[in-house]
Amino acid sequence: MGSADIVPGVSGGTIALITGIYERLIHAISCIKFSFLKPLLKGNMSDFKAKLIEEIDFELFIPLLLGIAIAFIVLAKVINYLLDTQTAYTFSFFLGLIFASAYILYTKLDGFNIKLIIITVIGILLSYIFVGLNPIATNHSLIVIFISGLIAICAMILPGISGSFLLVLLGQYQYMLNALNSRNLIEIIVFAIGAVIGILGFSRLLNYLLERYESAIMAFLIGIMLGTLRLPIMKITTTINGSWIPCVILAIIAFVLIILLESKFKKD
């Protein structure tokens, strides 16, 4: 998820879906209500520990957050390098990832009807328009960084919507990538605080929608994924030098890789 969240156009939520932890993740986040703070303020440590263990899924969050943090630290420079020097090939791989993710979501539906087709088309149109938007010219003040974290994290947990691409549109992507590489703690902490507040609020809404309108939400997310293919296609066509064959091969490899991963995790 951390590797995907760094890349504009690829969603960490998609990886969570593929690996089979998505619904557990959304539910676990939405269950955090901070009721454990009350006994802590009263100095009742036994009740505090009991509430903390009851409310927070540590078995999920500890390895997940460690993995995301390590990916951010280790891969930030690698992804930045690949996007700068091997743009067409990198986005060809991303294209395969996104298309495979949309296919996997499709297999989870019981079937398409007129209503779900309309919802999918709406998702395609909205994301296609969204991807074509020009980046907003903004400053890099702490309040802007806080708001960027608040907005981007909501996209990062949605399959098909790239939080990194939202940061590109907000004019904060390259700046925050540099802040991460240079270990600028103040800006990283402010961004993280915004992200935590955003994810705690948005996860409750998403959990509610998934419980009541799962098929419609999945159809909409399929549309979003298909619409966001505009980004890798634009990047490939504008940066490719030479034959298309390597791009096609990389896209197929990515597609097959995701299908194999999904099959393995589904079996597990």
Protein backbone atom coordinates (compact mmCIF):
# COMPACT_ATOMS: atom_id res chain seq x y z
CA MET A 1 0.00 0.00 0.00
CA GLY A 2 2.84 2.39 0.81
CA SER A 3 4.48 1.75 -2.56
CA ALA A 4 1.18 2.36 -4.38
CA ASP A 5 0.36 5.51 -2.41
CA ILE A 6 3.62 7.14 -3.49
CA VAL A 7 2.71 6.78 -7.17
CA PRO A 8 0.32 9.24 -8.86
CA GLY A 9 -2.44 7.21 -10.50
CA VAL A 10 -2.23 4.11 -8.29
CA SER A 11 -4.26 3.70 -5.09
CA GLY A 12 -3.19 2.04 -1.87
CA GLY A 13 -6.84 1.11 -1.42
CA THR A 14 -6.55 -1.00 -4.57
CA ILE A 15 -3.68 -2.99 -3.03
CA ALA A 16 -5.68 -3.44 0.17
CA LEU A 17 -8.55 -4.81 -1.91
CA ILE A 18 -6.30 -7.20 -3.84
CA THR A 19 -4.65 -8.56 -0.68
CA GLY A 20 -8.02 -9.11 0.99
CA ILE A 21 -7.65 -6.68 3.92
CA TYR A 22 -9.79 -3.82 2.55
CA GLU A 23 -13.07 -4.36 4.41
CA ARG A 24 -11.24 -5.23 7.64
CA LEU A 25 -9.14 -2.06 7.29
CA ILE A 26 -12.12 0.24 6.73
CA HIS A 27 -14.05 -1.36 9.60
CA ALA A 28 -11.02 -1.22 11.95
CA ILE A 29 -10.46 2.49 11.25
CA SER A 30 -14.14 3.35 11.61
CA CYS A 31 -14.25 1.58 15.01
CA ILE A 32 -11.66 3.95 16.53
CA LYS A 33 -13.77 6.25 18.74
CA PHE A 34 -11.11 7.19 21.35
CA SER A 35 -13.25 5.91 24.24
CA PHE A 36 -10.02 4.61 25.78
CA LEU A 37 -9.00 8.21 26.55
CA LYS A 38 -11.63 8.56 29.28
CA PRO A 39 -10.13 5.96 31.67
CA LEU A 40 -6.66 7.27 30.81
CA LEU A 41 -7.60 10.78 31.94
CA LYS A 42 -8.99 9.28 35.14
CA GLY A 43 -5.74 7.40 35.71
CA ASN A 44 -7.44 4.01 35.44
CA MET A 45 -4.69 2.16 33.55
CA SER A 46 -6.32 -1.29 33.63
CA ASP A 47 -9.52 0.01 31.98
CA PHE A 48 -7.40 2.06 29.58
CA LYS A 49 -5.48 -1.01 28.38
CA ALA A 50 -8.67 -3.08 28.08
CA LYS A 51 -10.45 -0.38 26.04
CA LEU A 52 -7.40 0.20 23.88
CA ILE A 53 -7.07 -3.49 22.98
CA GLU A 54 -10.83 -3.76 22.42
CA GLU A 55 -11.07 -0.70 20.16
CA ILE A 56 -7.88 -0.86 18.07
CA ASP A 57 -6.95 -3.79 15.81
CA PHE A 58 -3.23 -3.85 16.64
CA GLU A 59 -2.69 -7.12 14.74
CA LEU A 60 -3.68 -5.24 11.59
CA PHE A 61 -2.34 -1.74 12.22
CA ILE A 62 1.17 -2.48 13.53
CA PRO A 63 2.46 -4.52 10.55
CA LEU A 64 0.45 -2.43 8.07
CA LEU A 65 1.75 0.94 9.26
CA LEU A 66 5.31 -0.39 9.53
CA GLY A 67 5.10 -1.66 5.95
CA ILE A 68 3.71 1.65 4.66
CA ALA A 69 6.38 3.66 6.53
CA ILE A 70 9.23 1.48 5.24
CA ALA A 71 7.90 1.71 1.68
CA PHE A 72 7.66 5.50 1.94
CA ILE A 73 11.23 5.83 3.20
CA VAL A 74 12.86 3.24 0.93
CA LEU A 75 10.92 3.70 -2.29
CA ALA A 76 10.33 7.47 -2.42
CA LYS A 77 13.64 8.08 -4.20
CA VAL A 78 13.28 5.00 -6.41
CA ILE A 79 9.79 5.94 -7.61
CA ASN A 80 10.88 9.54 -8.15
CA TYR A 81 13.82 8.33 -10.26
CA LEU A 82 11.68 5.96 -12.36
CA LEU A 83 9.03 8.60 -12.99
CA ASP A 84 11.73 11.03 -14.17
CA THR A 85 13.88 8.69 -16.28
CA GLN A 86 11.57 5.82 -17.36
CA THR A 87 8.21 7.58 -17.49
CA ALA A 88 6.55 5.61 -20.31
CA TYR A 89 7.65 2.22 -18.99
CA THR A 90 6.72 3.06 -15.41
CA PHE A 91 3.23 4.23 -16.34
CA SER A 92 2.78 1.19 -18.62
CA PHE A 93 3.27 -0.96 -15.55
CA PHE A 94 0.82 1.21 -13.60
CA LEU A 95 -1.73 0.89 -16.42
CA GLY A 96 -1.64 -2.89 -16.09
CA LEU A 97 -2.04 -2.63 -12.30
CA ILE A 98 -5.09 -0.37 -12.55
CA PHE A 99 -6.79 -2.40 -15.29
CA ALA A 100 -6.26 -5.64 -13.35
CA SER A 101 -7.67 -4.02 -10.21
CA ALA A 102 -10.83 -2.98 -12.09
CA TYR A 103 -11.19 -6.54 -13.38
CA ILE A 104 -10.86 -7.97 -9.88
CA LEU A 105 -13.59 -5.64 -8.61
CA TYR A 106 -15.79 -6.77 -11.51
CA THR A 107 -15.37 -10.43 -10.47
CA LYS A 108 -16.62 -9.56 -6.98
CA LEU A 109 -19.98 -8.35 -8.33
CA ASP A 110 -22.85 -10.83 -8.60
CA GLY A 111 -23.62 -9.42 -12.04
CA PHE A 112 -24.16 -6.19 -13.94
CA ASN A 113 -27.62 -4.70 -14.35
CA ILE A 114 -28.71 -1.39 -15.91
CA LYS A 115 -28.39 0.45 -12.60
CA LEU A 116 -24.81 -0.74 -12.00
CA ILE A 117 -23.83 0.00 -15.62
CA ILE A 118 -25.09 3.59 -15.25
CA ILE A 119 -23.19 3.98 -11.96
CA THR A 120 -20.03 2.62 -13.62
CA VAL A 121 -20.36 5.04 -16.55
CA ILE A 122 -20.80 7.95 -14.11
CA GLY A 123 -17.61 6.85 -12.33
CA ILE A 124 -15.73 6.68 -15.65
CA LEU A 125 -16.85 10.16 -16.71
CA LEU A 126 -16.11 11.79 -13.34
CA SER A 127 -12.64 10.28 -13.00
CA TYR A 128 -11.80 10.94 -16.67
CA ILE A 129 -12.61 14.63 -16.19
CA PHE A 130 -10.83 14.71 -12.82
CA VAL A 131 -7.60 13.26 -14.25
CA GLY A 132 -7.59 15.93 -16.97
CA LEU A 133 -7.63 18.81 -14.50
CA ASN A 134 -4.61 21.08 -14.29
CA PRO A 135 -2.63 21.31 -11.02
CA ILE A 136 -3.67 24.14 -8.73
CA ALA A 137 -1.04 26.76 -8.01
CA THR A 138 -0.79 26.86 -4.20
CA ASN A 139 1.80 27.73 -1.59
CA HIS A 140 3.40 25.27 0.82
CA SER A 141 2.34 26.75 4.14
CA LEU A 142 1.64 24.39 7.04
CA ILE A 143 -2.13 24.95 6.81
CA VAL A 144 -2.09 24.04 3.09
CA ILE A 145 -0.01 20.94 3.86
CA PHE A 146 -2.48 20.00 6.63
CA ILE A 147 -5.47 20.34 4.27
CA SER A 148 -3.61 18.39 1.59
CA GLY A 149 -3.08 15.50 3.99
CA LEU A 150 -6.74 15.68 5.02
CA ILE A 151 -7.92 15.41 1.40
CA ALA A 152 -5.33 13.01 0.00
CA ILE A 153 -5.77 10.32 2.65
CA CYS A 154 -9.47 9.99 1.79
CA ALA A 155 -8.48 9.07 -1.77
CA MET A 156 -5.68 6.77 -0.64
CA ILE A 157 -8.11 4.34 1.01
CA LEU A 158 -10.47 4.30 -1.96
CA PRO A 159 -9.63 1.70 -4.62
CA GLY A 160 -9.01 3.45 -7.92
CA ILE A 161 -8.52 6.97 -6.57
CA SER A 162 -4.91 8.01 -6.16
CA GLY A 163 -4.11 10.18 -3.16
CA SER A 164 -0.77 11.03 -4.76
CA PHE A 165 -2.55 12.29 -7.87
CA LEU A 166 -4.71 14.52 -5.66
CA LEU A 167 -1.47 15.91 -4.24
CA VAL A 168 -0.30 16.58 -7.81
CA LEU A 169 -3.50 18.55 -8.47
CA LEU A 170 -3.06 20.42 -5.19
CA GLY A 171 0.52 21.30 -6.18
CA GLN A 172 1.98 19.47 -3.17
CA TYR A 173 3.22 16.14 -4.57
CA GLN A 174 6.81 17.00 -5.50
CA TYR A 175 7.14 19.24 -2.45
CA MET A 176 6.04 16.52 -0.01
CA LEU A 177 8.18 13.92 -1.79
CA ASN A 178 11.20 16.19 -1.26
CA ALA A 179 10.15 16.75 2.37
CA LEU A 180 10.06 12.98 2.84
CA ASN A 181 13.46 12.49 1.22
CA SER A 182 15.03 15.30 3.26
CA ARG A 183 13.31 14.12 6.51
CA ASN A 184 11.59 17.49 7.11
CA LEU A 185 9.84 16.39 10.30
CA ILE A 186 7.62 19.46 10.86
CA GLU A 187 5.98 19.24 7.44
CA ILE A 188 5.73 15.44 7.59
CA ILE A 189 4.05 15.60 11.03
CA VAL A 190 1.58 18.32 9.94
CA PHE A 191 0.68 16.30 6.83
CA ALA A 192 0.29 13.15 8.96
CA ILE A 193 -2.01 14.91 11.45
CA GLY A 194 -4.24 16.04 8.58
CA ALA A 195 -4.22 12.50 7.19
CA VAL A 196 -5.19 10.94 10.54
CA ILE A 197 -8.11 13.34 11.03
CA GLY A 198 -9.25 12.79 7.44
CA ILE A 199 -9.11 9.01 7.54
CA LEU A 200 -10.94 8.74 10.89
CA GLY A 201 -13.85 10.78 9.55
CA PHE A 202 -14.03 9.40 6.03
CA SER A 203 -13.69 5.74 7.03
CA ARG A 204 -16.97 5.92 8.99
CA LEU A 205 -18.83 7.18 5.93
CA LEU A 206 -17.19 4.58 3.69
CA ASN A 207 -17.92 1.74 6.14
CA TYR A 208 -21.58 2.82 6.25
CA LEU A 209 -21.85 2.89 2.45
CA LEU A 210 -20.13 -0.48 2.00
CA GLU A 211 -22.46 -2.13 4.50
CA ARG A 212 -25.60 -0.84 2.75
CA TYR A 213 -24.72 -0.25 -0.90
CA GLU A 214 -21.77 -2.55 -1.59
CA SER A 215 -22.62 -3.41 -5.21
CA ALA A 216 -23.25 0.22 -6.17
CA ILE A 217 -20.02 1.37 -4.49
CA MET A 218 -18.02 -1.39 -6.22
CA ALA A 219 -19.54 -0.49 -9.60
CA PHE A 220 -18.69 3.17 -9.04
CA LEU A 221 -15.11 2.27 -8.10
CA ILE A 222 -14.77 0.14 -11.25
CA GLY A 223 -15.78 3.22 -13.25
CA ILE A 224 -13.29 5.37 -11.36
CA MET A 225 -10.47 2.92 -12.09
CA LEU A 226 -11.31 2.77 -15.80
CA GLY A 227 -11.56 6.55 -15.99
CA THR A 228 -8.19 7.05 -14.29
CA LEU A 229 -6.53 5.03 -17.07
CA ARG A 230 -6.47 8.39 -18.85
CA LEU A 231 -3.45 9.40 -16.74
CA PRO A 232 -1.08 6.52 -17.60
CA ILE A 233 -2.21 6.58 -21.24
CA MET A 234 -1.44 10.32 -21.47
CA LYS A 235 1.95 9.83 -19.83
CA ILE A 236 2.86 6.91 -22.09
CA THR A 237 1.83 8.56 -25.35
CA THR A 238 3.63 11.83 -24.55
CA THR A 239 6.90 10.34 -23.27
CA ILE A 240 7.44 7.13 -25.25
CA ASN A 241 10.56 6.94 -27.40
CA GLY A 242 10.73 4.01 -29.78
CA SER A 243 8.69 0.81 -29.85
CA TRP A 244 5.41 0.26 -28.01
CA ILE A 245 6.22 -3.42 -27.48
CA PRO A 246 8.06 -2.99 -24.11
CA CYS A 247 5.14 -0.89 -22.82
CA VAL A 248 2.60 -3.55 -23.81
CA ILE A 249 4.74 -6.29 -22.24
CA LEU A 250 5.09 -4.36 -18.96
CA ALA A 251 1.33 -3.70 -18.82
CA ILE A 252 0.62 -7.42 -19.35
CA ILE A 253 3.18 -8.40 -16.68
CA ALA A 254 1.53 -6.00 -14.19
CA PHE A 255 -1.93 -7.34 -15.04
CA VAL A 256 -0.88 -10.96 -14.58
CA LEU A 257 1.02 -10.12 -11.38
CA ILE A 258 -2.07 -8.59 -9.77
CA ILE A 259 -4.30 -11.50 -10.83
CA LEU A 260 -1.79 -13.97 -9.34
CA LEU A 261 -1.50 -11.94 -6.12
CA GLU A 262 -5.26 -11.73 -5.76
CA SER A 263 -5.59 -15.49 -6.31
CA LYS A 264 -2.91 -16.22 -3.70
CA PHE A 265 -4.35 -13.94 -1.03
CA LYS A 266 -7.89 -15.14 -1.77
CA LYS A 267 -6.72 -18.73 -1.25
CA ASP A 268 -4.91 -17.77 2.00
